[in-house]
């Protein structure tokens, strides 16, 4: 039973940046808080970091799609939010 639950939990962790991007979009555009938006964008990396650590402890190699898609989404949305709202370091 534990083996069937681990991949599902890992899929949710790898997919979690999409929820953080959605929350950051709301923070930027609805609430108008750039600071909260950037904090949420940074928090979006927590799910993949936990999943990568989990798989490293279990000595498993993550599937490429689970790594590339969420991190590419985070990179793309960071650039787009940065162009629109201004990057936090500028």
PDB file of N, CA and C in Angstrom:
ATOM      1  N   UNK A   1       0.809  -1.186   0.000  1.00  0.00           N
ATOM      2  CA  UNK A   1       0.000   0.000   0.000  1.00  0.00           C
ATOM      3  C   UNK A   1       0.859   1.259   0.000  1.00  0.00           C
ATOM      4  N   UNK A   2       1.970   1.247   0.712  1.00  0.00           N
ATOM      5  CA  UNK A   2       2.822   2.426   0.781  1.00  0.00           C
ATOM      6  C   UNK A   2       3.422   2.752  -0.586  1.00  0.00           C
ATOM      7  N   UNK A   3       3.729   1.732  -1.372  1.00  0.00           N
ATOM      8  CA  UNK A   3       4.307   1.974  -2.685  1.00  0.00           C
ATOM      9  C   UNK A   3       3.305   2.620  -3.635  1.00  0.00           C
ATOM     10  N   UNK A   4       2.015   2.292  -3.502  1.00  0.00           N
ATOM     11  CA  UNK A   4       1.028   2.890  -4.394  1.00  0.00           C
ATOM     12  C   UNK A   4       0.729   4.335  -4.013  1.00  0.00           C
ATOM     13  N   UNK A   5       0.921   4.699  -2.743  1.00  0.00           N
ATOM     14  CA  UNK A   5       0.638   6.061  -2.313  1.00  0.00           C
ATOM     15  C   UNK A   5       1.802   7.008  -2.599  1.00  0.00           C
ATOM     16  N   UNK A   6       3.012   6.507  -2.572  1.00  0.00           N
ATOM     17  CA  UNK A   6       4.161   7.395  -2.767  1.00  0.00           C
ATOM     18  C   UNK A   6       4.158   8.068  -4.136  1.00  0.00           C
ATOM     19  N   UNK A   7       3.919   7.369  -5.233  1.00  0.00           N
ATOM     20  CA  UNK A   7       3.914   8.069  -6.520  1.00  0.00           C
ATOM     21  C   UNK A   7       2.809   9.121  -6.614  1.00  0.00           C
ATOM     22  N   UNK A   8       1.631   8.842  -6.033  1.00  0.00           N
ATOM     23  CA  UNK A   8       0.548   9.831  -6.072  1.00  0.00           C
ATOM     24  C   UNK A   8       0.930  11.074  -5.275  1.00  0.00           C
ATOM     25  N   UNK A   9       1.509  10.877  -4.116  1.00  0.00           N
ATOM     26  CA  UNK A   9       1.942  12.017  -3.300  1.00  0.00           C
ATOM     27  C   UNK A   9       3.041  12.798  -4.012  1.00  0.00           C
ATOM     28  N   UNK A  10       3.943  12.097  -4.667  1.00  0.00           N
ATOM     29  CA  UNK A  10       5.003  12.787  -5.402  1.00  0.00           C
ATOM     30  C   UNK A  10       4.440  13.567  -6.577  1.00  0.00           C
ATOM     31  N   UNK A  11       3.449  13.017  -7.254  1.00  0.00           N
ATOM     32  CA  UNK A  11       2.826  13.756  -8.359  1.00  0.00           C
ATOM     33  C   UNK A  11       2.201  15.046  -7.853  1.00  0.00           C
ATOM     34  N   UNK A  12       1.578  14.990  -6.684  1.00  0.00           N
ATOM     35  CA  UNK A  12       0.978  16.193  -6.122  1.00  0.00           C
ATOM     36  C   UNK A  12       2.053  17.214  -5.740  1.00  0.00           C
ATOM     37  N   UNK A  13       3.163  16.736  -5.192  1.00  0.00           N
ATOM     38  CA  UNK A  13       4.245  17.659  -4.847  1.00  0.00           C
ATOM     39  C   UNK A  13       4.847  18.297  -6.091  1.00  0.00           C
ATOM     40  N   UNK A  14       5.039  17.498  -7.140  1.00  0.00           N
ATOM     41  CA  UNK A  14       5.598  18.049  -8.369  1.00  0.00           C
ATOM     42  C   UNK A  14       4.632  19.020  -9.033  1.00  0.00           C
ATOM     43  N   UNK A  15       3.327  18.809  -8.867  1.00  0.00           N
ATOM     44  CA  UNK A  15       2.330  19.683  -9.500  1.00  0.00           C
ATOM     45  C   UNK A  15       2.019  20.921  -8.671  1.00  0.00           C
ATOM     46  N   UNK A  16       2.488  20.988  -7.443  1.00  0.00           N
ATOM     47  CA  UNK A  16       2.130  22.092  -6.556  1.00  0.00           C
ATOM     48  C   UNK A  16       2.545  23.478  -7.055  1.00  0.00           C
ATOM     49  N   UNK A  17       3.592  23.645  -7.870  1.00  0.00           N
ATOM     50  CA  UNK A  17       3.890  25.007  -8.339  1.00  0.00           C
ATOM     51  C   UNK A  17       2.741  25.656  -9.100  1.00  0.00           C
ATOM     52  N   UNK A  18       1.894  24.872  -9.738  1.00  0.00           N
ATOM     53  CA  UNK A  18       0.758  25.460 -10.459  1.00  0.00           C
ATOM     54  C   UNK A  18      -0.176  26.189  -9.497  1.00  0.00           C
ATOM     55  N   UNK A  19      -0.391  25.634  -8.319  1.00  0.00           N
ATOM     56  CA  UNK A  19      -1.248  26.296  -7.330  1.00  0.00           C
ATOM     57  C   UNK A  19      -0.591  27.566  -6.798  1.00  0.00           C
ATOM     58  N   UNK A  20       0.715  27.531  -6.591  1.00  0.00           N
ATOM     59  CA  UNK A  20       1.416  28.713  -6.121  1.00  0.00           C
ATOM     60  C   UNK A  20       1.409  29.817  -7.182  1.00  0.00           C
ATOM     61  N   UNK A  21       1.530  29.433  -8.461  1.00  0.00           N
ATOM     62  CA  UNK A  21       1.478  30.422  -9.534  1.00  0.00           C
ATOM     63  C   UNK A  21       0.089  31.055  -9.584  1.00  0.00           C
ATOM     64  N   UNK A  22      -0.952  30.248  -9.423  1.00  0.00           N
ATOM     65  CA  UNK A  22      -2.307  30.781  -9.398  1.00  0.00           C
ATOM     66  C   UNK A  22      -2.495  31.746  -8.222  1.00  0.00           C
ATOM     67  N   UNK A  23      -2.019  31.361  -7.054  1.00  0.00           N
ATOM     68  CA  UNK A  23      -2.127  32.232  -5.884  1.00  0.00           C
ATOM     69  C   UNK A  23      -1.318  33.515  -6.079  1.00  0.00           C
ATOM     70  N   UNK A  24      -0.154  33.410  -6.700  1.00  0.00           N
ATOM     71  CA  UNK A  24       0.656  34.605  -6.961  1.00  0.00           C
ATOM     72  C   UNK A  24      -0.046  35.518  -7.958  1.00  0.00           C
ATOM     73  N   UNK A  25      -0.694  34.938  -8.960  1.00  0.00           N
ATOM     74  CA  UNK A  25      -1.457  35.734  -9.920  1.00  0.00           C
ATOM     75  C   UNK A  25      -2.549  36.529  -9.208  1.00  0.00           C
ATOM     76  N   UNK A  26      -3.253  35.866  -8.296  1.00  0.00           N
ATOM     77  CA  UNK A  26      -4.292  36.550  -7.524  1.00  0.00           C
ATOM     78  C   UNK A  26      -3.671  37.647  -6.658  1.00  0.00           C
ATOM     79  N   UNK A  27      -2.538  37.350  -6.045  1.00  0.00           N
ATOM     80  CA  UNK A  27      -1.887  38.353  -5.197  1.00  0.00           C
ATOM     81  C   UNK A  27      -1.440  39.561  -6.010  1.00  0.00           C
ATOM     82  N   UNK A  28      -0.892  39.323  -7.189  1.00  0.00           N
ATOM     83  CA  UNK A  28      -0.430  40.429  -8.019  1.00  0.00           C
ATOM     84  C   UNK A  28      -1.591  41.257  -8.575  1.00  0.00           C
ATOM     85  N   UNK A  29      -2.596  40.582  -9.120  1.00  0.00           N
ATOM     86  CA  UNK A  29      -3.612  41.282  -9.900  1.00  0.00           C
ATOM     87  C   UNK A  29      -4.889  41.611  -9.140  1.00  0.00           C
ATOM     88  N   UNK A  30      -5.310  40.794  -8.214  1.00  0.00           N
ATOM     89  CA  UNK A  30      -6.556  41.053  -7.503  1.00  0.00           C
ATOM     90  C   UNK A  30      -6.280  41.834  -6.219  1.00  0.00           C
ATOM     91  N   UNK A  31      -5.343  41.337  -5.428  1.00  0.00           N
ATOM     92  CA  UNK A  31      -5.028  41.972  -4.152  1.00  0.00           C
ATOM     93  C   UNK A  31      -4.135  43.188  -4.359  1.00  0.00           C
ATOM     94  N   UNK A  32      -3.249  43.116  -5.348  1.00  0.00           N
ATOM     95  CA  UNK A  32      -2.344  44.232  -5.619  1.00  0.00           C
ATOM     96  C   UNK A  32      -1.109  44.242  -4.755  1.00  0.00           C
ATOM     97  N   UNK A  33      -0.745  43.117  -4.197  1.00  0.00           N
ATOM     98  CA  UNK A  33       0.420  43.030  -3.317  1.00  0.00           C
ATOM     99  C   UNK A  33       1.561  42.316  -4.035  1.00  0.00           C
ATOM    100  N   UNK A  34       2.531  43.089  -4.487  1.00  0.00           N
ATOM    101  CA  UNK A  34       3.673  42.494  -5.175  1.00  0.00           C
ATOM    102  C   UNK A  34       4.520  41.656  -4.225  1.00  0.00           C
ATOM    103  N   UNK A  35       4.647  42.102  -2.966  1.00  0.00           N
ATOM    104  CA  UNK A  35       5.461  41.348  -2.004  1.00  0.00           C
ATOM    105  C   UNK A  35       4.873  39.959  -1.765  1.00  0.00           C
ATOM    106  N   UNK A  36       3.554  39.895  -1.581  1.00  0.00           N
ATOM    107  CA  UNK A  36       2.905  38.594  -1.364  1.00  0.00           C
ATOM    108  C   UNK A  36       3.040  37.719  -2.601  1.00  0.00           C
ATOM    109  N   UNK A  37       2.947  38.327  -3.771  1.00  0.00           N
ATOM    110  CA  UNK A  37       3.092  37.559  -5.012  1.00  0.00           C
ATOM    111  C   UNK A  37       4.470  36.932  -5.137  1.00  0.00           C
ATOM    112  N   UNK A  38       5.509  37.701  -4.810  1.00  0.00           N
ATOM    113  CA  UNK A  38       6.861  37.160  -4.914  1.00  0.00           C
ATOM    114  C   UNK A  38       7.131  36.111  -3.839  1.00  0.00           C
ATOM    115  N   UNK A  39       6.545  36.275  -2.675  1.00  0.00           N
ATOM    116  CA  UNK A  39       6.701  35.255  -1.624  1.00  0.00           C
ATOM    117  C   UNK A  39       6.038  33.951  -2.084  1.00  0.00           C
ATOM    118  N   UNK A  40       4.868  34.057  -2.696  1.00  0.00           N
ATOM    119  CA  UNK A  40       4.187  32.855  -3.190  1.00  0.00           C
ATOM    120  C   UNK A  40       4.972  32.209  -4.332  1.00  0.00           C
ATOM    121  N   UNK A  41       5.565  33.023  -5.184  1.00  0.00           N
ATOM    122  CA  UNK A  41       6.374  32.445  -6.266  1.00  0.00           C
ATOM    123  C   UNK A  41       7.585  31.708  -5.697  1.00  0.00           C
ATOM    124  N   UNK A  42       8.207  32.260  -4.677  1.00  0.00           N
ATOM    125  CA  UNK A  42       9.341  31.579  -4.040  1.00  0.00           C
ATOM    126  C   UNK A  42       8.860  30.310  -3.332  1.00  0.00           C
ATOM    127  N   UNK A  43       7.696  30.388  -2.704  1.00  0.00           N
ATOM    128  CA  UNK A  43       7.140  29.212  -2.029  1.00  0.00           C
ATOM    129  C   UNK A  43       6.777  28.101  -2.983  1.00  0.00           C
ATOM    130  N   UNK A  44       6.565  28.439  -4.242  1.00  0.00           N
ATOM    131  CA  UNK A  44       6.239  27.425  -5.240  1.00  0.00           C
ATOM    132  C   UNK A  44       7.339  26.409  -5.457  1.00  0.00           C
ATOM    133  N   UNK A  45       8.535  26.739  -5.067  1.00  0.00           N
ATOM    134  CA  UNK A  45       9.649  25.794  -5.205  1.00  0.00           C
ATOM    135  C   UNK A  45       9.706  24.788  -4.074  1.00  0.00           C
ATOM    136  N   UNK A  46       8.883  24.975  -3.046  1.00  0.00           N
ATOM    137  CA  UNK A  46       8.942  24.071  -1.891  1.00  0.00           C
ATOM    138  C   UNK A  46       8.471  22.662  -2.248  1.00  0.00           C
ATOM    139  N   UNK A  47       7.417  22.535  -3.034  1.00  0.00           N
ATOM    140  CA  UNK A  47       6.916  21.208  -3.408  1.00  0.00           C
ATOM    141  C   UNK A  47       7.927  20.394  -4.187  1.00  0.00           C
ATOM    142  N   UNK A  48       8.483  20.946  -5.281  1.00  0.00           N
ATOM    143  CA  UNK A  48       9.512  20.197  -6.003  1.00  0.00           C
ATOM    144  C   UNK A  48      10.758  19.915  -5.177  1.00  0.00           C
ATOM    145  N   UNK A  49      11.118  20.826  -4.271  1.00  0.00           N
ATOM    146  CA  UNK A  49      12.299  20.578  -3.425  1.00  0.00           C
ATOM    147  C   UNK A  49      12.052  19.398  -2.487  1.00  0.00           C
ATOM    148  N   UNK A  50      10.860  19.337  -1.902  1.00  0.00           N
ATOM    149  CA  UNK A  50      10.519  18.209  -1.021  1.00  0.00           C
ATOM    150  C   UNK A  50      10.457  16.913  -1.826  1.00  0.00           C
ATOM    151  N   UNK A  51       9.846  16.955  -3.004  1.00  0.00           N
ATOM    152  CA  UNK A  51       9.747  15.750  -3.833  1.00  0.00           C
ATOM    153  C   UNK A  51      11.132  15.265  -4.264  1.00  0.00           C
ATOM    154  N   UNK A  52      11.999  16.200  -4.626  1.00  0.00           N
ATOM    155  CA  UNK A  52      13.353  15.816  -5.029  1.00  0.00           C
ATOM    156  C   UNK A  52      14.119  15.214  -3.863  1.00  0.00           C
ATOM    157  N   UNK A  53      13.968  15.804  -2.672  1.00  0.00           N
ATOM    158  CA  UNK A  53      14.609  15.237  -1.490  1.00  0.00           C
ATOM    159  C   UNK A  53      14.067  13.865  -1.143  1.00  0.00           C
ATOM    160  N   UNK A  54      12.753  13.710  -1.258  1.00  0.00           N
ATOM    161  CA  UNK A  54      12.109  12.426  -0.985  1.00  0.00           C
ATOM    162  C   UNK A  54      12.649  11.353  -1.921  1.00  0.00           C
ATOM    163  N   UNK A  55      12.735  11.694  -3.218  1.00  0.00           N
ATOM    164  CA  UNK A  55      13.225  10.708  -4.169  1.00  0.00           C
ATOM    165  C   UNK A  55      14.717  10.463  -4.007  1.00  0.00           C
ATOM    166  N   UNK A  56      15.459  11.448  -3.568  1.00  0.00           N
ATOM    167  CA  UNK A  56      16.886  11.240  -3.331  1.00  0.00           C
ATOM    168  C   UNK A  56      17.104  10.293  -2.151  1.00  0.00           C
ATOM    169  N   UNK A  57      16.292  10.440  -1.106  1.00  0.00           N
ATOM    170  CA  UNK A  57      16.409   9.534   0.036  1.00  0.00           C
ATOM    171  C   UNK A  57      16.041   8.102  -0.340  1.00  0.00           C
ATOM    172  N   UNK A  58      15.082   7.975  -1.234  1.00  0.00           N
ATOM    173  CA  UNK A  58      14.677   6.640  -1.679  1.00  0.00           C
ATOM    174  C   UNK A  58      15.519   6.131  -2.834  1.00  0.00           C
ATOM    175  N   UNK A  59      16.480   6.940  -3.257  1.00  0.00           N
ATOM    176  CA  UNK A  59      17.393   6.621  -4.360  1.00  0.00           C
ATOM    177  C   UNK A  59      16.636   6.324  -5.647  1.00  0.00           C
ATOM    178  N   UNK A  60      15.660   7.165  -5.920  1.00  0.00           N
ATOM    179  CA  UNK A  60      14.874   7.059  -7.149  1.00  0.00           C
ATOM    180  C   UNK A  60      15.197   8.246  -8.035  1.00  0.00           C
ATOM    181  N   UNK A  61      15.089   8.022  -9.305  1.00  0.00           N
ATOM    182  CA  UNK A  61      15.301   9.108 -10.258  1.00  0.00           C
ATOM    183  C   UNK A  61      13.938   9.661 -10.668  1.00  0.00           C
ATOM    184  N   UNK A  62      13.731  10.969 -10.547  1.00  0.00           N
ATOM    185  CA  UNK A  62      12.428  11.533 -10.928  1.00  0.00           C
ATOM    186  C   UNK A  62      12.239  11.485 -12.440  1.00  0.00           C
ATOM    187  N   UNK A  63      10.990  11.338 -12.859  1.00  0.00           N
ATOM    188  CA  UNK A  63      10.699  11.356 -14.279  1.00  0.00           C
ATOM    189  C   UNK A  63      10.933  12.758 -14.816  1.00  0.00           C
ATOM    190  N   UNK A  64      11.435  12.838 -16.033  1.00  0.00           N
ATOM    191  CA  UNK A  64      11.798  14.132 -16.607  1.00  0.00           C
ATOM    192  C   UNK A  64      10.611  15.081 -16.693  1.00  0.00           C
ATOM    193  N   UNK A  65       9.439  14.571 -17.036  1.00  0.00           N
ATOM    194  CA  UNK A  65       8.262  15.437 -17.169  1.00  0.00           C
ATOM    195  C   UNK A  65       7.869  16.053 -15.838  1.00  0.00           C
ATOM    196  N   UNK A  66       8.062  15.318 -14.752  1.00  0.00           N
ATOM    197  CA  UNK A  66       7.707  15.847 -13.439  1.00  0.00           C
ATOM    198  C   UNK A  66       8.676  16.945 -12.998  1.00  0.00           C
ATOM    199  N   UNK A  67       9.859  16.984 -13.583  1.00  0.00           N
ATOM    200  CA  UNK A  67      10.837  18.004 -13.221  1.00  0.00           C
ATOM    201  C   UNK A  67      10.747  19.196 -14.168  1.00  0.00           C
ATOM    202  N   UNK A  68      10.706  18.933 -15.456  1.00  0.00           N
ATOM    203  CA  UNK A  68      10.783  19.989 -16.455  1.00  0.00           C
ATOM    204  C   UNK A  68       9.539  20.871 -16.463  1.00  0.00           C
ATOM    205  N   UNK A  69       8.363  20.266 -16.472  1.00  0.00           N
ATOM    206  CA  UNK A  69       7.131  21.049 -16.614  1.00  0.00           C
ATOM    207  C   UNK A  69       6.906  22.009 -15.455  1.00  0.00           C
ATOM    208  N   UNK A  70       6.957  21.569 -14.177  1.00  0.00           N
ATOM    209  CA  UNK A  70       6.714  22.544 -13.112  1.00  0.00           C
ATOM    210  C   UNK A  70       7.790  23.612 -12.992  1.00  0.00           C
ATOM    211  N   UNK A  71       9.039  23.229 -13.191  1.00  0.00           N
ATOM    212  CA  UNK A  71      10.105  24.225 -13.072  1.00  0.00           C
ATOM    213  C   UNK A  71      10.112  25.182 -14.254  1.00  0.00           C
ATOM    214  N   UNK A  72       9.736  24.695 -15.438  1.00  0.00           N
ATOM    215  CA  UNK A  72       9.601  25.588 -16.593  1.00  0.00           C
ATOM    216  C   UNK A  72       8.439  26.548 -16.393  1.00  0.00           C
ATOM    217  N   UNK A  73       7.347  26.062 -15.802  1.00  0.00           N
ATOM    218  CA  UNK A  73       6.217  26.936 -15.489  1.00  0.00           C
ATOM    219  C   UNK A  73       6.642  28.033 -14.524  1.00  0.00           C
ATOM    220  N   UNK A  74       7.376  27.655 -13.493  1.00  0.00           N
ATOM    221  CA  UNK A  74       7.841  28.642 -12.518  1.00  0.00           C
ATOM    222  C   UNK A  74       8.764  29.666 -13.181  1.00  0.00           C
ATOM    223  N   UNK A  75       9.674  29.203 -14.039  1.00  0.00           N
ATOM    224  CA  UNK A  75      10.600  30.126 -14.700  1.00  0.00           C
ATOM    225  C   UNK A  75       9.856  31.069 -15.640  1.00  0.00           C
ATOM    226  N   UNK A  76       8.937  30.537 -16.417  1.00  0.00           N
ATOM    227  CA  UNK A  76       8.176  31.366 -17.353  1.00  0.00           C
ATOM    228  C   UNK A  76       7.346  32.407 -16.620  1.00  0.00           C
ATOM    229  N   UNK A  77       6.627  31.981 -15.595  1.00  0.00           N
ATOM    230  CA  UNK A  77       5.764  32.915 -14.876  1.00  0.00           C
ATOM    231  C   UNK A  77       6.579  33.934 -14.077  1.00  0.00           C
ATOM    232  N   UNK A  78       7.757  33.557 -13.603  1.00  0.00           N
ATOM    233  CA  UNK A  78       8.621  34.514 -12.923  1.00  0.00           C
ATOM    234  C   UNK A  78       9.039  35.620 -13.876  1.00  0.00           C
ATOM    235  N   UNK A  79       9.403  35.243 -15.091  1.00  0.00           N
ATOM    236  CA  UNK A  79       9.786  36.251 -16.082  1.00  0.00           C
ATOM    237  C   UNK A  79       8.597  37.131 -16.443  1.00  0.00           C
ATOM    238  N   UNK A  80       7.433  36.521 -16.674  1.00  0.00           N
ATOM    239  CA  UNK A  80       6.255  37.306 -17.052  1.00  0.00           C
ATOM    240  C   UNK A  80       5.797  38.233 -15.927  1.00  0.00           C
ATOM    241  N   UNK A  81       5.763  37.722 -14.688  1.00  0.00           N
ATOM    242  CA  UNK A  81       5.393  38.578 -13.561  1.00  0.00           C
ATOM    243  C   UNK A  81       6.442  39.672 -13.361  1.00  0.00           C
ATOM    244  N   UNK A  82       7.710  39.328 -13.585  1.00  0.00           N
ATOM    245  CA  UNK A  82       8.771  40.317 -13.436  1.00  0.00           C
ATOM    246  C   UNK A  82       8.667  41.430 -14.454  1.00  0.00           C
ATOM    247  N   UNK A  83       8.295  41.093 -15.680  1.00  0.00           N
ATOM    248  CA  UNK A  83       8.121  42.115 -16.706  1.00  0.00           C
ATOM    249  C   UNK A  83       6.953  43.027 -16.358  1.00  0.00           C
ATOM    250  N   UNK A  84       5.869  42.432 -15.875  1.00  0.00           N
ATOM    251  CA  UNK A  84       4.669  43.222 -15.578  1.00  0.00           C
ATOM    252  C   UNK A  84       4.785  44.001 -14.267  1.00  0.00           C
ATOM    253  N   UNK A  85       5.238  43.336 -13.215  1.00  0.00           N
ATOM    254  CA  UNK A  85       5.240  43.922 -11.872  1.00  0.00           C
ATOM    255  C   UNK A  85       6.586  44.497 -11.465  1.00  0.00           C
ATOM    256  N   UNK A  86       7.633  44.138 -12.158  1.00  0.00           N
ATOM    257  CA  UNK A  86       8.984  44.515 -11.745  1.00  0.00           C
ATOM    258  C   UNK A  86       9.575  43.426 -10.869  1.00  0.00           C
ATOM    259  N   UNK A  87      10.820  43.099 -11.130  1.00  0.00           N
ATOM    260  CA  UNK A  87      11.467  42.054 -10.347  1.00  0.00           C
ATOM    261  C   UNK A  87      11.726  42.556  -8.931  1.00  0.00           C
ATOM    262  N   UNK A  88      11.742  41.661  -7.955  1.00  0.00           N
ATOM    263  CA  UNK A  88      11.905  42.111  -6.564  1.00  0.00           C
ATOM    264  C   UNK A  88      13.281  42.731  -6.296  1.00  0.00           C
ATOM    265  N   UNK A  89      14.282  42.418  -7.071  1.00  0.00           N
ATOM    266  CA  UNK A  89      15.605  42.941  -6.814  1.00  0.00           C
ATOM    267  C   UNK A  89      15.858  44.252  -7.565  1.00  0.00           C
ATOM    268  N   UNK A  90      14.881  44.701  -8.375  1.00  0.00           N
ATOM    269  CA  UNK A  90      15.094  45.953  -9.124  1.00  0.00           C
ATOM    270  C   UNK A  90      14.397  47.131  -8.472  1.00  0.00           C
TER     271      UNK A  90
END
